[in-house]
Each structure stands twice: as C-alpha cells, then as structure tokens.
Amino acid sequence: MPKPRKDPYRERPCQLCTLRFKPTTKHPKNADEQKFCCEPHRKEFWKQGKLPMRKLELRLEKKLEKRMREIAREEV
C-alpha cells in the first residue's frame, strides 16, 4: 500500500516570523517548498544572514534559563 501523501497546502510556520500561513501557489510542488508567508519575509530572512526567529528565541531562552539558575544559586 502506498503511503498517504502530506497535503502540500497544509498550514506551516514562516521561517522568519513563525506565524502560520497557507501556501498560495497553484502548483503543489511549489506549495510544498514555500517556507515564507510573504515575499518581504523571504528577502529579510536572507538579508539577515539566514538566522531565523526560532533560533534567536531558543538562544534567548537558554541564556535566560542559565541566568535564572545563577540567581537562584546565589540566593540559596
């Protein structure tokens, strides 16, 4: 039995802003490859040196978590 294929027009997060969007292209293969919700976000992503918002958020969370542990240890 063949595997059921994923819907190429499913909602997915934008690589820059992480908001969910639905691809707008007519061809299913192109819809599956769309990573950004709009053209300005695609350009901004590459202008920033390919550093997506998710990676920045994870870095900040790790730094904050580490700092919170340090503060908790100092108080104990």
N, C-alpha and C. Protein backbone atom coordinates (compact mmCIF):
# COMPACT_ATOMS: atom_id res chain seq x y z
N MET A 1 0.83 -1.19 0.00
CA MET A 1 0.00 0.00 0.00
C MET A 1 0.87 1.25 0.00
N PRO A 2 0.55 2.20 -0.85
CA PRO A 2 1.34 3.43 -0.86
C PRO A 2 1.03 4.29 0.37
N LYS A 3 2.04 5.02 0.79
CA LYS A 3 1.88 5.91 1.94
C LYS A 3 0.99 7.09 1.57
N PRO A 4 0.15 7.52 2.49
CA PRO A 4 -0.64 8.73 2.19
C PRO A 4 0.30 9.94 2.16
N ARG A 5 0.11 10.79 1.17
CA ARG A 5 0.98 11.95 1.00
C ARG A 5 0.49 13.10 1.86
N LYS A 6 1.42 13.90 2.31
CA LYS A 6 1.05 15.09 3.07
C LYS A 6 0.43 16.11 2.12
N ASP A 7 -0.50 16.85 2.65
CA ASP A 7 -1.15 17.90 1.86
C ASP A 7 -0.14 19.03 1.64
N PRO A 8 0.21 19.35 0.38
CA PRO A 8 1.18 20.42 0.15
C PRO A 8 0.65 21.80 0.55
N TYR A 9 -0.67 21.92 0.70
CA TYR A 9 -1.27 23.20 1.05
C TYR A 9 -1.60 23.29 2.54
N ARG A 10 -0.99 22.44 3.36
CA ARG A 10 -1.23 22.49 4.80
C ARG A 10 -0.61 23.77 5.39
N GLU A 11 -1.11 24.18 6.53
CA GLU A 11 -0.53 25.35 7.19
C GLU A 11 0.83 25.00 7.75
N ARG A 12 1.72 25.97 7.75
CA ARG A 12 3.08 25.77 8.27
C ARG A 12 3.60 27.09 8.81
N PRO A 13 4.61 27.06 9.67
CA PRO A 13 5.14 28.31 10.21
C PRO A 13 6.11 28.98 9.23
N CYS A 14 6.05 30.29 9.18
CA CYS A 14 7.00 31.07 8.39
C CYS A 14 8.36 30.96 9.07
N GLN A 15 9.43 30.84 8.31
CA GLN A 15 10.76 30.70 8.90
C GLN A 15 11.26 31.98 9.54
N LEU A 16 10.69 33.11 9.17
CA LEU A 16 11.14 34.38 9.75
C LEU A 16 10.30 34.78 10.95
N CYS A 17 8.99 34.86 10.77
CA CYS A 17 8.13 35.40 11.84
C CYS A 17 7.44 34.32 12.66
N THR A 18 7.52 33.07 12.26
CA THR A 18 6.91 31.90 12.91
C THR A 18 5.38 31.94 12.94
N LEU A 19 4.74 32.86 12.25
CA LEU A 19 3.29 32.84 12.13
C LEU A 19 2.91 31.75 11.13
N ARG A 20 1.74 31.16 11.32
CA ARG A 20 1.30 30.09 10.43
C ARG A 20 0.67 30.68 9.18
N PHE A 21 0.97 30.08 8.02
CA PHE A 21 0.42 30.54 6.75
C PHE A 21 0.09 29.33 5.88
N LYS A 22 -0.70 29.56 4.88
CA LYS A 22 -1.07 28.53 3.92
C LYS A 22 -0.48 28.94 2.57
N PRO A 23 0.27 28.06 1.89
CA PRO A 23 0.87 28.42 0.60
C PRO A 23 -0.17 28.89 -0.41
N THR A 24 0.24 29.83 -1.25
CA THR A 24 -0.69 30.44 -2.20
C THR A 24 -0.43 30.04 -3.65
N THR A 25 0.62 29.33 -3.92
CA THR A 25 0.97 28.96 -5.30
C THR A 25 0.01 27.90 -5.85
N LYS A 26 -0.11 27.82 -7.17
CA LYS A 26 -1.04 26.89 -7.80
C LYS A 26 -0.46 25.48 -7.95
N HIS A 27 0.84 25.37 -8.11
CA HIS A 27 1.48 24.08 -8.35
C HIS A 27 1.81 23.42 -7.01
N PRO A 28 1.37 22.19 -6.76
CA PRO A 28 1.59 21.54 -5.46
C PRO A 28 3.06 21.40 -5.08
N LYS A 29 3.95 21.16 -6.05
CA LYS A 29 5.37 21.02 -5.71
C LYS A 29 5.93 22.34 -5.18
N ASN A 30 5.55 23.44 -5.81
CA ASN A 30 6.00 24.75 -5.34
C ASN A 30 5.39 25.07 -3.98
N ALA A 31 4.15 24.65 -3.75
CA ALA A 31 3.49 24.90 -2.47
C ALA A 31 4.23 24.17 -1.36
N ASP A 32 4.71 22.98 -1.65
CA ASP A 32 5.43 22.19 -0.65
C ASP A 32 6.77 22.83 -0.30
N GLU A 33 7.36 23.58 -1.22
CA GLU A 33 8.67 24.19 -0.99
C GLU A 33 8.58 25.59 -0.38
N GLN A 34 7.39 26.18 -0.31
CA GLN A 34 7.25 27.54 0.21
C GLN A 34 7.52 27.57 1.71
N LYS A 35 8.44 28.42 2.14
CA LYS A 35 8.86 28.48 3.54
C LYS A 35 8.50 29.79 4.23
N PHE A 36 8.10 30.79 3.45
CA PHE A 36 7.83 32.11 3.99
C PHE A 36 6.41 32.54 3.68
N CYS A 37 5.83 33.35 4.56
CA CYS A 37 4.44 33.76 4.37
C CYS A 37 4.31 34.85 3.31
N CYS A 38 5.37 35.62 3.06
CA CYS A 38 5.29 36.67 2.05
C CYS A 38 6.70 36.97 1.50
N GLU A 39 6.74 37.66 0.40
CA GLU A 39 8.00 37.99 -0.28
C GLU A 39 8.93 38.85 0.60
N PRO A 40 8.44 39.87 1.29
CA PRO A 40 9.35 40.66 2.14
C PRO A 40 10.01 39.84 3.25
N HIS A 41 9.31 38.84 3.77
CA HIS A 41 9.91 37.99 4.80
C HIS A 41 11.01 37.12 4.22
N ARG A 42 10.81 36.64 3.00
CA ARG A 42 11.85 35.83 2.34
C ARG A 42 13.10 36.66 2.14
N LYS A 43 12.94 37.90 1.67
CA LYS A 43 14.08 38.77 1.42
C LYS A 43 14.78 39.14 2.73
N GLU A 44 14.00 39.44 3.76
CA GLU A 44 14.57 39.81 5.06
C GLU A 44 15.34 38.64 5.67
N PHE A 45 14.83 37.43 5.51
CA PHE A 45 15.49 36.24 6.03
C PHE A 45 16.90 36.11 5.45
N TRP A 46 17.02 36.27 4.14
CA TRP A 46 18.33 36.13 3.51
C TRP A 46 19.20 37.35 3.75
N LYS A 47 18.61 38.51 3.96
CA LYS A 47 19.37 39.72 4.25
C LYS A 47 20.01 39.63 5.64
N GLN A 48 19.34 38.94 6.57
CA GLN A 48 19.84 38.80 7.94
C GLN A 48 20.90 37.71 8.06
N GLY A 49 21.22 37.07 7.01
CA GLY A 49 22.23 36.01 7.06
C GLY A 49 21.66 34.67 7.47
N LYS A 50 20.43 34.41 7.07
CA LYS A 50 19.78 33.12 7.29
C LYS A 50 19.62 32.77 8.77
N LEU A 51 19.38 33.74 9.62
CA LEU A 51 19.18 33.46 11.04
C LEU A 51 17.70 33.60 11.36
N PRO A 52 16.99 32.48 11.42
CA PRO A 52 15.54 32.55 11.63
C PRO A 52 15.18 32.94 13.06
N MET A 53 13.97 33.41 13.22
CA MET A 53 13.47 33.87 14.51
C MET A 53 13.49 32.76 15.54
N ARG A 54 13.19 31.54 15.15
CA ARG A 54 13.18 30.43 16.10
C ARG A 54 14.53 30.24 16.77
N LYS A 55 15.61 30.32 15.98
CA LYS A 55 16.94 30.14 16.56
C LYS A 55 17.26 31.25 17.55
N LEU A 56 16.86 32.47 17.22
CA LEU A 56 17.08 33.59 18.14
C LEU A 56 16.31 33.37 19.44
N GLU A 57 15.07 32.93 19.33
CA GLU A 57 14.26 32.69 20.52
C GLU A 57 14.88 31.60 21.39
N LEU A 58 15.37 30.53 20.77
CA LEU A 58 15.99 29.45 21.54
C LEU A 58 17.25 29.93 22.24
N ARG A 59 18.06 30.74 21.57
CA ARG A 59 19.26 31.28 22.19
C ARG A 59 18.91 32.14 23.40
N LEU A 60 17.90 33.00 23.24
CA LEU A 60 17.50 33.86 24.35
C LEU A 60 16.96 33.05 25.52
N GLU A 61 16.16 32.03 25.23
CA GLU A 61 15.62 31.18 26.29
C GLU A 61 16.74 30.50 27.06
N LYS A 62 17.74 29.99 26.36
CA LYS A 62 18.85 29.31 27.03
C LYS A 62 19.64 30.27 27.91
N LYS A 63 19.88 31.49 27.41
CA LYS A 63 20.60 32.48 28.19
C LYS A 63 19.81 32.88 29.43
N LEU A 64 18.51 33.09 29.26
CA LEU A 64 17.67 33.47 30.39
C LEU A 64 17.60 32.35 31.42
N GLU A 65 17.48 31.12 30.94
CA GLU A 65 17.41 29.97 31.84
C GLU A 65 18.71 29.85 32.65
N LYS A 66 19.84 30.03 31.99
CA LYS A 66 21.13 29.95 32.66
C LYS A 66 21.25 31.06 33.71
N ARG A 67 20.83 32.26 33.35
CA ARG A 67 20.91 33.39 34.27
C ARG A 67 19.99 33.19 35.47
N MET A 68 18.80 32.64 35.24
CA MET A 68 17.86 32.37 36.34
C MET A 68 18.45 31.36 37.32
N ARG A 69 19.12 30.34 36.80
CA ARG A 69 19.76 29.35 37.67
C ARG A 69 20.85 30.01 38.52
N GLU A 70 21.65 30.88 37.90
CA GLU A 70 22.70 31.57 38.64
C GLU A 70 22.12 32.41 39.77
N ILE A 71 21.05 33.12 39.50
CA ILE A 71 20.41 33.97 40.51
C ILE A 71 19.86 33.09 41.63
N ALA A 72 19.23 31.97 41.28
CA ALA A 72 18.67 31.06 42.29
C ALA A 72 19.78 30.49 43.17
N ARG A 73 20.90 30.15 42.59
CA ARG A 73 22.03 29.61 43.38
C ARG A 73 22.60 30.65 44.32
N GLU A 74 22.67 31.91 43.86
CA GLU A 74 23.20 32.97 44.70
C GLU A 74 22.30 33.21 45.92
N GLU A 75 20.97 33.12 45.72
CA GLU A 75 20.05 33.36 46.81
C GLU A 75 20.03 32.22 47.81
N VAL A 76 20.33 31.01 47.37
CA VAL A 76 20.33 29.86 48.28
C VAL A 76 21.61 29.87 49.04
